[in-house]
PDB file of N, CA and C in Angstrom:
ATOM      1  N   UNK A   1     -87.215 -90.001  63.493  1.00  0.00           N
ATOM      2  CA  UNK A   1     -87.769 -88.585  63.565  1.00  0.00           C
ATOM      3  C   UNK A   1     -88.706 -87.672  62.807  1.00  0.00           C
ATOM      4  N   UNK A   2     -89.680 -87.631  63.532  1.00  0.00           N
ATOM      5  CA  UNK A   2     -91.101 -86.796  61.456  1.00  0.00           C
ATOM      6  C   UNK A   2     -91.100 -85.772  62.402  1.00  0.00           C
ATOM      7  N   UNK A   3     -90.773 -84.837  61.185  1.00  0.00           N
ATOM      8  CA  UNK A   3     -90.797 -83.087  61.376  1.00  0.00           C
ATOM      9  C   UNK A   3     -91.762 -82.493  61.054  1.00  0.00           C
ATOM     10  N   UNK A   4     -91.502 -82.221  60.349  1.00  0.00           N
ATOM     11  CA  UNK A   4     -93.170 -80.762  58.875  1.00  0.00           C
ATOM     12  C   UNK A   4     -93.534 -79.751  59.610  1.00  0.00           C
ATOM     13  N   UNK A   5     -93.627 -78.932  58.528  1.00  0.00           N
ATOM     14  CA  UNK A   5     -94.010 -77.326  58.540  1.00  0.00           C
ATOM     15  C   UNK A   5     -95.130 -77.346  59.103  1.00  0.00           C
ATOM     16  N   UNK A   6     -96.496 -77.820  58.639  1.00  0.00           N
ATOM     17  CA  UNK A   6     -97.500 -78.233  59.365  1.00  0.00           C
ATOM     18  C   UNK A   6     -97.312 -78.016  61.580  1.00  0.00           C
ATOM     19  N   UNK A   7     -98.645 -77.764  61.692  1.00  0.00           N
ATOM     20  CA  UNK A   7     -99.084 -77.506  63.076  1.00  0.00           C
ATOM     21  C   UNK A   7     -99.426 -78.969  63.685  1.00  0.00           C
ATOM     22  N   UNK A   8     -99.943 -80.481  63.032  1.00  0.00           N
ATOM     23  CA  UNK A   8     -99.528 -81.494  62.830  1.00  0.00           C
ATOM     24  C   UNK A   8     -99.775 -82.146  61.843  1.00  0.00           C
ATOM     25  N   UNK A   9    -100.005 -83.401  62.840  1.00  0.00           N
ATOM     26  CA  UNK A   9     -98.647 -84.334  61.501  1.00  0.00           C
ATOM     27  C   UNK A   9    -100.265 -85.546  61.338  1.00  0.00           C
ATOM     28  N   UNK A  10    -100.661 -85.051  60.385  1.00  0.00           N
ATOM     29  CA  UNK A  10    -102.683 -85.801  59.366  1.00  0.00           C
ATOM     30  C   UNK A  10    -101.513 -87.454  61.208  1.00  0.00           C
ATOM     31  N   UNK A  11    -102.869 -88.078  60.601  1.00  0.00           N
ATOM     32  CA  UNK A  11    -103.098 -89.878  61.205  1.00  0.00           C
ATOM     33  C   UNK A  11    -102.671 -90.250  62.190  1.00  0.00           C
ATOM     34  N   UNK A  12    -101.703 -88.600  63.352  1.00  0.00           N
ATOM     35  CA  UNK A  12    -100.797 -89.159  64.428  1.00  0.00           C
ATOM     36  C   UNK A  12    -101.431 -88.071  65.845  1.00  0.00           C
ATOM     37  N   UNK A  13    -101.208 -88.436  66.524  1.00  0.00           N
ATOM     38  CA  UNK A  13    -102.142 -87.770  67.463  1.00  0.00           C
ATOM     39  C   UNK A  13    -101.094 -87.556  68.647  1.00  0.00           C
ATOM     40  N   UNK A  14    -100.973 -86.484  68.869  1.00  0.00           N
ATOM     41  CA  UNK A  14     -99.764 -84.491  69.801  1.00  0.00           C
ATOM     42  C   UNK A  14    -100.063 -85.878  71.376  1.00  0.00           C
ATOM     43  N   UNK A  15     -99.538 -86.500  71.968  1.00  0.00           N
ATOM     44  CA  UNK A  15    -100.049 -86.795  73.566  1.00  0.00           C
ATOM     45  C   UNK A  15     -99.806 -85.801  73.786  1.00  0.00           C
ATOM     46  N   UNK A  16     -98.263 -85.880  73.829  1.00  0.00           N
ATOM     47  CA  UNK A  16     -97.113 -84.109  74.452  1.00  0.00           C
ATOM     48  C   UNK A  16     -96.407 -83.743  74.374  1.00  0.00           C
ATOM     49  N   UNK A  17     -96.739 -82.098  74.405  1.00  0.00           N
ATOM     50  CA  UNK A  17     -95.586 -80.691  74.328  1.00  0.00           C
ATOM     51  C   UNK A  17     -94.534 -80.842  74.674  1.00  0.00           C
ATOM     52  N   UNK A  18     -93.239 -80.784  74.303  1.00  0.00           N
ATOM     53  CA  UNK A  18     -91.951 -81.070  74.573  1.00  0.00           C
ATOM     54  C   UNK A  18     -91.494 -79.695  75.417  1.00  0.00           C
ATOM     55  N   UNK A  19     -91.980 -78.646  74.642  1.00  0.00           N
ATOM     56  CA  UNK A  19     -91.741 -77.219  74.551  1.00  0.00           C
ATOM     57  C   UNK A  19     -90.533 -76.337  72.868  1.00  0.00           C
ATOM     58  N   UNK A  20     -90.228 -75.580  72.186  1.00  0.00           N
ATOM     59  CA  UNK A  20     -89.851 -75.014  71.276  1.00  0.00           C
ATOM     60  C   UNK A  20     -88.201 -75.264  71.501  1.00  0.00           C
ATOM     61  N   UNK A  21     -88.008 -76.554  69.759  1.00  0.00           N
ATOM     62  CA  UNK A  21     -86.419 -76.252  70.534  1.00  0.00           C
ATOM     63  C   UNK A  21     -85.990 -75.688  68.682  1.00  0.00           C
ATOM     64  N   UNK A  22     -84.494 -75.129  69.191  1.00  0.00           N
ATOM     65  CA  UNK A  22     -84.058 -74.184  67.886  1.00  0.00           C
ATOM     66  C   UNK A  22     -82.797 -74.859  68.007  1.00  0.00           C
ATOM     67  N   UNK A  23     -82.072 -75.082  66.672  1.00  0.00           N
ATOM     68  CA  UNK A  23     -81.180 -74.971  66.028  1.00  0.00           C
ATOM     69  C   UNK A  23     -80.568 -73.629  65.793  1.00  0.00           C
ATOM     70  N   UNK A  24     -78.947 -73.423  65.078  1.00  0.00           N
ATOM     71  CA  UNK A  24     -79.007 -72.628  64.955  1.00  0.00           C
ATOM     72  C   UNK A  24     -77.398 -72.725  63.881  1.00  0.00           C
ATOM     73  N   UNK A  25     -76.465 -71.826  63.411  1.00  0.00           N
ATOM     74  CA  UNK A  25     -75.332 -72.465  62.883  1.00  0.00           C
ATOM     75  C   UNK A  25     -75.103 -71.261  62.387  1.00  0.00           C
ATOM     76  N   UNK A  26     -74.682 -70.435  62.339  1.00  0.00           N
ATOM     77  CA  UNK A  26     -73.590 -69.866  62.022  1.00  0.00           C
ATOM     78  C   UNK A  26     -72.177 -69.543  61.444  1.00  0.00           C
ATOM     79  N   UNK A  27     -71.596 -69.773  60.044  1.00  0.00           N
ATOM     80  CA  UNK A  27     -70.569 -69.664  58.623  1.00  0.00           C
ATOM     81  C   UNK A  27     -70.026 -69.028  58.838  1.00  0.00           C
ATOM     82  N   UNK A  28     -68.304 -68.065  58.498  1.00  0.00           N
ATOM     83  CA  UNK A  28     -68.316 -67.258  58.341  1.00  0.00           C
ATOM     84  C   UNK A  28     -68.321 -68.003  56.439  1.00  0.00           C
ATOM     85  N   UNK A  29     -67.785 -66.893  56.502  1.00  0.00           N
ATOM     86  CA  UNK A  29     -66.735 -67.269  54.852  1.00  0.00           C
ATOM     87  C   UNK A  29     -65.694 -66.237  54.113  1.00  0.00           C
ATOM     88  N   UNK A  30     -64.492 -66.650  54.018  1.00  0.00           N
ATOM     89  CA  UNK A  30     -63.514 -66.798  53.792  1.00  0.00           C
ATOM     90  C   UNK A  30     -62.980 -66.086  52.391  1.00  0.00           C
ATOM     91  N   UNK A  31     -62.833 -64.773  52.429  1.00  0.00           N
ATOM     92  CA  UNK A  31     -61.637 -63.817  51.737  1.00  0.00           C
ATOM     93  C   UNK A  31     -61.917 -64.725  50.167  1.00  0.00           C
ATOM     94  N   UNK A  32     -60.311 -65.313  50.280  1.00  0.00           N
ATOM     95  CA  UNK A  32     -61.508 -66.776  48.885  1.00  0.00           C
ATOM     96  C   UNK A  32     -62.083 -66.563  47.975  1.00  0.00           C
ATOM     97  N   UNK A  33     -63.475 -67.106  49.298  1.00  0.00           N
ATOM     98  CA  UNK A  33     -64.625 -66.991  48.530  1.00  0.00           C
ATOM     99  C   UNK A  33     -65.229 -66.386  48.531  1.00  0.00           C
ATOM    100  N   UNK A  34     -65.313 -64.904  48.914  1.00  0.00           N
ATOM    101  CA  UNK A  34     -66.065 -63.287  49.227  1.00  0.00           C
ATOM    102  C   UNK A  34     -65.301 -63.484  47.276  1.00  0.00           C
ATOM    103  N   UNK A  35     -64.339 -63.430  47.494  1.00  0.00           N
ATOM    104  CA  UNK A  35     -63.237 -63.015  46.291  1.00  0.00           C
ATOM    105  C   UNK A  35     -63.881 -63.154  44.511  1.00  0.00           C
ATOM    106  N   UNK A  36     -64.170 -64.941  44.375  1.00  0.00           N
ATOM    107  CA  UNK A  36     -65.095 -65.673  43.235  1.00  0.00           C
ATOM    108  C   UNK A  36     -66.164 -65.670  43.716  1.00  0.00           C
ATOM    109  N   UNK A  37     -66.753 -65.355  44.753  1.00  0.00           N
ATOM    110  CA  UNK A  37     -68.034 -65.036  44.903  1.00  0.00           C
ATOM    111  C   UNK A  37     -68.563 -63.718  44.110  1.00  0.00           C
ATOM    112  N   UNK A  38     -68.179 -62.278  43.986  1.00  0.00           N
ATOM    113  CA  UNK A  38     -68.039 -60.926  43.759  1.00  0.00           C
ATOM    114  C   UNK A  38     -67.765 -61.345  41.727  1.00  0.00           C
ATOM    115  N   UNK A  39     -66.662 -62.162  41.153  1.00  0.00           N
ATOM    116  CA  UNK A  39     -66.828 -61.901  40.326  1.00  0.00           C
ATOM    117  C   UNK A  39     -68.131 -63.329  39.480  1.00  0.00           C
ATOM    118  N   UNK A  40     -68.483 -63.775  40.284  1.00  0.00           N
ATOM    119  CA  UNK A  40     -69.123 -64.623  39.966  1.00  0.00           C
ATOM    120  C   UNK A  40     -71.068 -63.937  39.413  1.00  0.00           C
ATOM    121  N   UNK A  41     -70.818 -63.185  40.593  1.00  0.00           N
ATOM    122  CA  UNK A  41     -72.239 -62.049  40.722  1.00  0.00           C
ATOM    123  C   UNK A  41     -71.801 -61.394  39.164  1.00  0.00           C
ATOM    124  N   UNK A  42     -70.203 -60.044  39.631  1.00  0.00           N
ATOM    125  CA  UNK A  42     -70.909 -59.633  38.626  1.00  0.00           C
ATOM    126  C   UNK A  42     -70.021 -60.618  36.245  1.00  0.00           C
ATOM    127  N   UNK A  43     -70.352 -60.867  36.383  1.00  0.00           N
ATOM    128  CA  UNK A  43     -70.206 -61.803  35.027  1.00  0.00           C
ATOM    129  C   UNK A  43     -71.437 -62.661  35.490  1.00  0.00           C
ATOM    130  N   UNK A  44     -72.298 -62.539  36.376  1.00  0.00           N
ATOM    131  CA  UNK A  44     -73.287 -63.867  36.382  1.00  0.00           C
ATOM    132  C   UNK A  44     -73.134 -65.048  36.858  1.00  0.00           C
ATOM    133  N   UNK A  45     -74.614 -65.274  36.962  1.00  0.00           N
ATOM    134  CA  UNK A  45     -74.217 -67.159  36.841  1.00  0.00           C
ATOM    135  C   UNK A  45     -74.884 -67.455  38.586  1.00  0.00           C
ATOM    136  N   UNK A  46     -74.819 -68.359  38.934  1.00  0.00           N
ATOM    137  CA  UNK A  46     -74.584 -69.232  40.188  1.00  0.00           C
ATOM    138  C   UNK A  46     -73.489 -68.926  41.298  1.00  0.00           C
ATOM    139  N   UNK A  47     -73.213 -68.855  42.639  1.00  0.00           N
ATOM    140  CA  UNK A  47     -72.650 -68.888  43.260  1.00  0.00           C
ATOM    141  C   UNK A  47     -71.540 -69.639  44.556  1.00  0.00           C
ATOM    142  N   UNK A  48     -71.616 -71.143  43.704  1.00  0.00           N
ATOM    143  CA  UNK A  48     -70.622 -71.856  44.289  1.00  0.00           C
ATOM    144  C   UNK A  48     -71.174 -72.362  45.771  1.00  0.00           C
ATOM    145  N   UNK A  49     -69.510 -71.629  45.860  1.00  0.00           N
ATOM    146  CA  UNK A  49     -69.132 -71.427  47.624  1.00  0.00           C
ATOM    147  C   UNK A  49     -70.269 -70.606  48.119  1.00  0.00           C
ATOM    148  N   UNK A  50     -70.719 -69.861  47.258  1.00  0.00           N
ATOM    149  CA  UNK A  50     -72.223 -69.779  48.890  1.00  0.00           C
ATOM    150  C   UNK A  50     -73.901 -70.787  48.663  1.00  0.00           C
ATOM    151  N   UNK A  51     -73.563 -71.727  48.102  1.00  0.00           N
ATOM    152  CA  UNK A  51     -74.531 -72.145  48.512  1.00  0.00           C
ATOM    153  C   UNK A  51     -74.288 -73.208  48.930  1.00  0.00           C
ATOM    154  N   UNK A  52     -73.336 -73.463  48.590  1.00  0.00           N
ATOM    155  CA  UNK A  52     -72.226 -74.741  49.439  1.00  0.00           C
ATOM    156  C   UNK A  52     -72.613 -74.625  50.725  1.00  0.00           C
ATOM    157  N   UNK A  53     -71.779 -72.845  51.179  1.00  0.00           N
ATOM    158  CA  UNK A  53     -71.862 -72.744  52.351  1.00  0.00           C
ATOM    159  C   UNK A  53     -73.302 -71.723  53.292  1.00  0.00           C
ATOM    160  N   UNK A  54     -74.102 -72.025  52.488  1.00  0.00           N
ATOM    161  CA  UNK A  54     -76.322 -71.670  53.155  1.00  0.00           C
ATOM    162  C   UNK A  54     -76.907 -73.515  53.448  1.00  0.00           C
ATOM    163  N   UNK A  55     -75.975 -74.499  52.297  1.00  0.00           N
ATOM    164  CA  UNK A  55     -77.001 -76.156  52.501  1.00  0.00           C
ATOM    165  C   UNK A  55     -75.701 -76.662  54.064  1.00  0.00           C
ATOM    166  N   UNK A  56     -75.237 -75.977  53.734  1.00  0.00           N
ATOM    167  CA  UNK A  56     -74.109 -76.676  55.870  1.00  0.00           C
ATOM    168  C   UNK A  56     -74.483 -76.206  55.917  1.00  0.00           C
ATOM    169  N   UNK A  57     -74.340 -75.519  56.584  1.00  0.00           N
ATOM    170  CA  UNK A  57     -75.226 -73.911  57.646  1.00  0.00           C
ATOM    171  C   UNK A  57     -76.300 -75.328  58.028  1.00  0.00           C
ATOM    172  N   UNK A  58     -77.566 -74.538  56.483  1.00  0.00           N
ATOM    173  CA  UNK A  58     -79.314 -75.466  57.184  1.00  0.00           C
ATOM    174  C   UNK A  58     -78.444 -76.833  58.155  1.00  0.00           C
ATOM    175  N   UNK A  59     -77.839 -77.650  57.275  1.00  0.00           N
ATOM    176  CA  UNK A  59     -78.002 -78.970  57.300  1.00  0.00           C
ATOM    177  C   UNK A  59     -77.225 -79.367  59.078  1.00  0.00           C
ATOM    178  N   UNK A  60     -77.039 -77.865  59.183  1.00  0.00           N
ATOM    179  CA  UNK A  60     -76.528 -78.535  60.796  1.00  0.00           C
ATOM    180  C   UNK A  60     -77.182 -78.011  61.913  1.00  0.00           C
ATOM    181  N   UNK A  61     -77.877 -76.456  61.896  1.00  0.00           N
ATOM    182  CA  UNK A  61     -78.686 -76.180  62.338  1.00  0.00           C
ATOM    183  C   UNK A  61     -80.030 -76.740  62.094  1.00  0.00           C
ATOM    184  N   UNK A  62     -80.359 -78.200  61.195  1.00  0.00           N
ATOM    185  CA  UNK A  62     -81.443 -78.701  61.084  1.00  0.00           C
ATOM    186  C   UNK A  62     -81.305 -80.144  62.504  1.00  0.00           C
ATOM    187  N   UNK A  63     -79.905 -80.324  62.031  1.00  0.00           N
ATOM    188  CA  UNK A  63     -79.954 -81.961  62.798  1.00  0.00           C
ATOM    189  C   UNK A  63     -79.650 -81.640  64.360  1.00  0.00           C
ATOM    190  N   UNK A  64     -79.026 -80.052  65.007  1.00  0.00           N
ATOM    191  CA  UNK A  64     -78.830 -79.467  65.709  1.00  0.00           C
ATOM    192  C   UNK A  64     -80.253 -79.240  66.206  1.00  0.00           C
ATOM    193  N   UNK A  65     -81.246 -79.078  65.909  1.00  0.00           N
ATOM    194  CA  UNK A  65     -82.873 -78.889  66.092  1.00  0.00           C
ATOM    195  C   UNK A  65     -83.215 -79.807  66.323  1.00  0.00           C
ATOM    196  N   UNK A  66     -82.959 -81.008  65.313  1.00  0.00           N
ATOM    197  CA  UNK A  66     -83.060 -82.711  66.325  1.00  0.00           C
ATOM    198  C   UNK A  66     -82.696 -82.783  67.069  1.00  0.00           C
ATOM    199  N   UNK A  67     -82.297 -83.172  66.961  1.00  0.00           N
ATOM    200  CA  UNK A  67     -80.932 -83.314  68.071  1.00  0.00           C
ATOM    201  C   UNK A  67     -81.759 -82.972  70.277  1.00  0.00           C
ATOM    202  N   UNK A  68     -81.464 -81.377  69.773  1.00  0.00           N
ATOM    203  CA  UNK A  68     -82.746 -81.343  71.059  1.00  0.00           C
ATOM    204  C   UNK A  68     -83.521 -81.372  71.492  1.00  0.00           C
ATOM    205  N   UNK A  69     -84.419 -81.726  70.585  1.00  0.00           N
ATOM    206  CA  UNK A  69     -85.111 -82.333  70.196  1.00  0.00           C
ATOM    207  C   UNK A  69     -86.266 -83.637  70.851  1.00  0.00           C
ATOM    208  N   UNK A  70     -84.483 -84.834  69.673  1.00  0.00           N
ATOM    209  CA  UNK A  70     -84.415 -86.657  71.309  1.00  0.00           C
ATOM    210  C   UNK A  70     -84.268 -86.133  72.727  1.00  0.00           C
ATOM    211  N   UNK A  71     -82.980 -84.687  73.109  1.00  0.00           N
ATOM    212  CA  UNK A  71     -82.697 -84.655  74.223  1.00  0.00           C
ATOM    213  C   UNK A  71     -84.493 -84.595  75.397  1.00  0.00           C
ATOM    214  N   UNK A  72     -85.128 -84.130  74.329  1.00  0.00           N
ATOM    215  CA  UNK A  72     -86.601 -83.822  75.227  1.00  0.00           C
ATOM    216  C   UNK A  72     -87.130 -84.644  75.185  1.00  0.00           C
ATOM    217  N   UNK A  73     -87.246 -85.335  74.741  1.00  0.00           N
ATOM    218  CA  UNK A  73     -87.607 -86.715  74.723  1.00  0.00           C
ATOM    219  C   UNK A  73     -88.937 -86.989  73.894  1.00  0.00           C
ATOM    220  N   UNK A  74     -88.992 -86.132  72.749  1.00  0.00           N
ATOM    221  CA  UNK A  74     -89.861 -86.429  71.786  1.00  0.00           C
ATOM    222  C   UNK A  74     -89.677 -86.975  70.033  1.00  0.00           C
ATOM    223  N   UNK A  75     -90.308 -86.923  70.375  1.00  0.00           N
ATOM    224  CA  UNK A  75     -89.802 -88.255  69.079  1.00  0.00           C
ATOM    225  C   UNK A  75     -90.645 -87.691  66.808  1.00  0.00           C
ATOM    226  N   UNK A  76     -90.977 -86.802  67.216  1.00  0.00           N
ATOM    227  CA  UNK A  76     -91.544 -85.748  66.634  1.00  0.00           C
ATOM    228  C   UNK A  76     -91.001 -84.154  66.140  1.00  0.00           C
ATOM    229  N   UNK A  77     -91.160 -83.134  65.034  1.00  0.00           N
ATOM    230  CA  UNK A  77     -91.296 -81.907  65.555  1.00  0.00           C
ATOM    231  C   UNK A  77     -91.652 -81.649  64.332  1.00  0.00           C
ATOM    232  N   UNK A  78     -92.999 -80.679  64.601  1.00  0.00           N
ATOM    233  CA  UNK A  78     -93.872 -80.003  64.129  1.00  0.00           C
ATOM    234  C   UNK A  78     -93.351 -78.229  64.650  1.00  0.00           C
ATOM    235  N   UNK A  79     -94.472 -78.131  63.247  1.00  0.00           N
ATOM    236  CA  UNK A  79     -93.967 -76.744  62.759  1.00  0.00           C
ATOM    237  C   UNK A  79     -92.871 -75.629  62.393  1.00  0.00           C
ATOM    238  N   UNK A  80     -92.246 -76.406  62.199  1.00  0.00           N
ATOM    239  CA  UNK A  80     -90.611 -75.802  61.257  1.00  0.00           C
ATOM    240  C   UNK A  80     -91.024 -74.947  60.926  1.00  0.00           C
ATOM    241  N   UNK A  81     -89.426 -74.503  61.246  1.00  0.00           N
ATOM    242  CA  UNK A  81     -88.996 -72.991  60.214  1.00  0.00           C
ATOM    243  C   UNK A  81     -88.480 -72.837  60.568  1.00  0.00           C
ATOM    244  N   UNK A  82     -87.509 -72.499  58.722  1.00  0.00           N
ATOM    245  CA  UNK A  82     -87.176 -71.525  58.509  1.00  0.00           C
ATOM    246  C   UNK A  82     -85.721 -70.517  58.639  1.00  0.00           C
ATOM    247  N   UNK A  83     -84.731 -68.974  59.713  1.00  0.00           N
ATOM    248  CA  UNK A  83     -84.706 -68.198  59.332  1.00  0.00           C
ATOM    249  C   UNK A  83     -83.605 -68.048  58.762  1.00  0.00           C
ATOM    250  N   UNK A  84     -83.266 -66.905  58.177  1.00  0.00           N
ATOM    251  CA  UNK A  84     -81.459 -67.346  56.737  1.00  0.00           C
ATOM    252  C   UNK A  84     -81.596 -65.371  57.782  1.00  0.00           C
ATOM    253  N   UNK A  85     -80.583 -65.140  57.955  1.00  0.00           N
ATOM    254  CA  UNK A  85     -79.884 -63.621  58.090  1.00  0.00           C
ATOM    255  C   UNK A  85     -78.334 -63.176  58.125  1.00  0.00           C
ATOM    256  N   UNK A  86     -78.314 -62.076  57.426  1.00  0.00           N
ATOM    257  CA  UNK A  86     -76.513 -61.716  57.831  1.00  0.00           C
ATOM    258  C   UNK A  86     -75.928 -61.311  58.884  1.00  0.00           C
ATOM    259  N   UNK A  87     -75.388 -61.395  59.389  1.00  0.00           N
ATOM    260  CA  UNK A  87     -74.727 -61.143  60.590  1.00  0.00           C
ATOM    261  C   UNK A  87     -73.260 -60.163  60.237  1.00  0.00           C
ATOM    262  N   UNK A  88     -73.398 -59.312  60.499  1.00  0.00           N
ATOM    263  CA  UNK A  88     -71.959 -58.838  59.825  1.00  0.00           C
ATOM    264  C   UNK A  88     -71.768 -58.554  58.398  1.00  0.00           C
ATOM    265  N   UNK A  89     -70.442 -58.517  58.104  1.00  0.00           N
ATOM    266  CA  UNK A  89     -70.573 -58.179  56.234  1.00  0.00           C
ATOM    267  C   UNK A  89     -69.542 -60.072  55.808  1.00  0.00           C
ATOM    268  N   UNK A  90     -69.732 -60.655  57.037  1.00  0.00           N
ATOM    269  CA  UNK A  90     -68.947 -62.273  56.368  1.00  0.00           C
ATOM    270  C   UNK A  90     -69.545 -63.988  57.118  1.00  0.00           C
ATOM    271  N   UNK A  91     -70.584 -63.577  57.345  1.00  0.00           N
ATOM    272  CA  UNK A  91     -70.889 -64.082  58.704  1.00  0.00           C
ATOM    273  C   UNK A  91     -73.025 -64.071  58.491  1.00  0.00           C
ATOM    274  N   UNK A  92     -73.076 -65.997  57.447  1.00  0.00           N
ATOM    275  CA  UNK A  92     -74.411 -66.419  57.757  1.00  0.00           C
ATOM    276  C   UNK A  92     -74.570 -67.115  58.497  1.00  0.00           C
ATOM    277  N   UNK A  93     -75.960 -66.392  59.520  1.00  0.00           N
ATOM    278  CA  UNK A  93     -76.884 -67.578  60.631  1.00  0.00           C
ATOM    279  C   UNK A  93     -78.245 -68.088  60.172  1.00  0.00           C
ATOM    280  N   UNK A  94     -78.112 -69.111  60.267  1.00  0.00           N
ATOM    281  CA  UNK A  94     -79.454 -69.923  59.312  1.00  0.00           C
ATOM    282  C   UNK A  94     -79.918 -71.008  61.103  1.00  0.00           C
ATOM    283  N   UNK A  95     -80.929 -70.488  60.959  1.00  0.00           N
ATOM    284  CA  UNK A  95     -81.720 -70.802  61.959  1.00  0.00           C
ATOM    285  C   UNK A  95     -82.945 -72.669  62.727  1.00  0.00           C
ATOM    286  N   UNK A  96     -83.112 -72.742  62.294  1.00  0.00           N
ATOM    287  CA  UNK A  96     -84.017 -73.583  62.334  1.00  0.00           C
ATOM    288  C   UNK A  96     -84.846 -74.207  64.366  1.00  0.00           C
ATOM    289  N   UNK A  97     -86.591 -73.767  63.746  1.00  0.00           N
ATOM    290  CA  UNK A  97     -87.315 -73.861  65.146  1.00  0.00           C
ATOM    291  C   UNK A  97     -88.317 -75.029  64.978  1.00  0.00           C
ATOM    292  N   UNK A  98     -89.192 -75.303  65.770  1.00  0.00           N
ATOM    293  CA  UNK A  98     -89.586 -75.589  66.170  1.00  0.00           C
ATOM    294  C   UNK A  98     -90.166 -76.494  67.332  1.00  0.00           C
ATOM    295  N   UNK A  99     -91.754 -77.289  67.320  1.00  0.00           N
ATOM    296  CA  UNK A  99     -92.023 -77.908  68.441  1.00  0.00           C
ATOM    297  C   UNK A  99     -91.713 -78.808  68.879  1.00  0.00           C
ATOM    298  N   UNK A 100     -90.883 -79.523  69.733  1.00  0.00           N
ATOM    299  CA  UNK A 100     -91.308 -80.868  70.003  1.00  0.00           C
ATOM    300  C   UNK A 100     -92.073 -81.375  70.547  1.00  0.00           C
ATOM    301  N   UNK A 101     -92.735 -82.747  70.146  1.00  0.00           N
ATOM    302  CA  UNK A 101     -93.609 -83.197  70.399  1.00  0.00           C
ATOM    303  C   UNK A 101     -94.172 -85.084  70.673  1.00  0.00           C
ATOM    304  N   UNK A 102     -94.619 -85.680  71.158  1.00  0.00           N
ATOM    305  CA  UNK A 102     -94.880 -86.779  71.502  1.00  0.00           C
ATOM    306  C   UNK A 102     -95.579 -87.269  70.445  1.00  0.00           C
ATOM    307  N   UNK A 103     -96.032 -88.366  69.263  1.00  0.00           N
ATOM    308  CA  UNK A 103     -96.813 -89.105  69.466  1.00  0.00           C
ATOM    309  C   UNK A 103     -97.288 -90.272  69.318  1.00  0.00           C
ATOM    310  N   UNK A 104     -98.058 -90.426  68.396  1.00  0.00           N
ATOM    311  CA  UNK A 104     -98.681 -92.237  68.825  1.00  0.00           C
ATOM    312  C   UNK A 104     -98.280 -92.454  67.743  1.00  0.00           C
TER     313      UNK A 104
END
């Protein structure tokens, strides 16, 4: 499946639109990870625990969005957008959206 942030795919013709598809992932961070991340924030450096959690959430949202596009009969997704939100004190939400299309 071709996936792009652009509204079209160069050299390919969109033959049908199947609608907006969205994949979401909400991940919780546990107390131990929060504690070590706060130490990292105090002494400087990157928080590997949170970076890993963010990557997991993004991959989950992308896979879910692609599956929903496939379920609609699409072979590509255009106009992809990723959004990140913090929910509550320790939840991270990643949303991946785009338009499911069929291309030649």
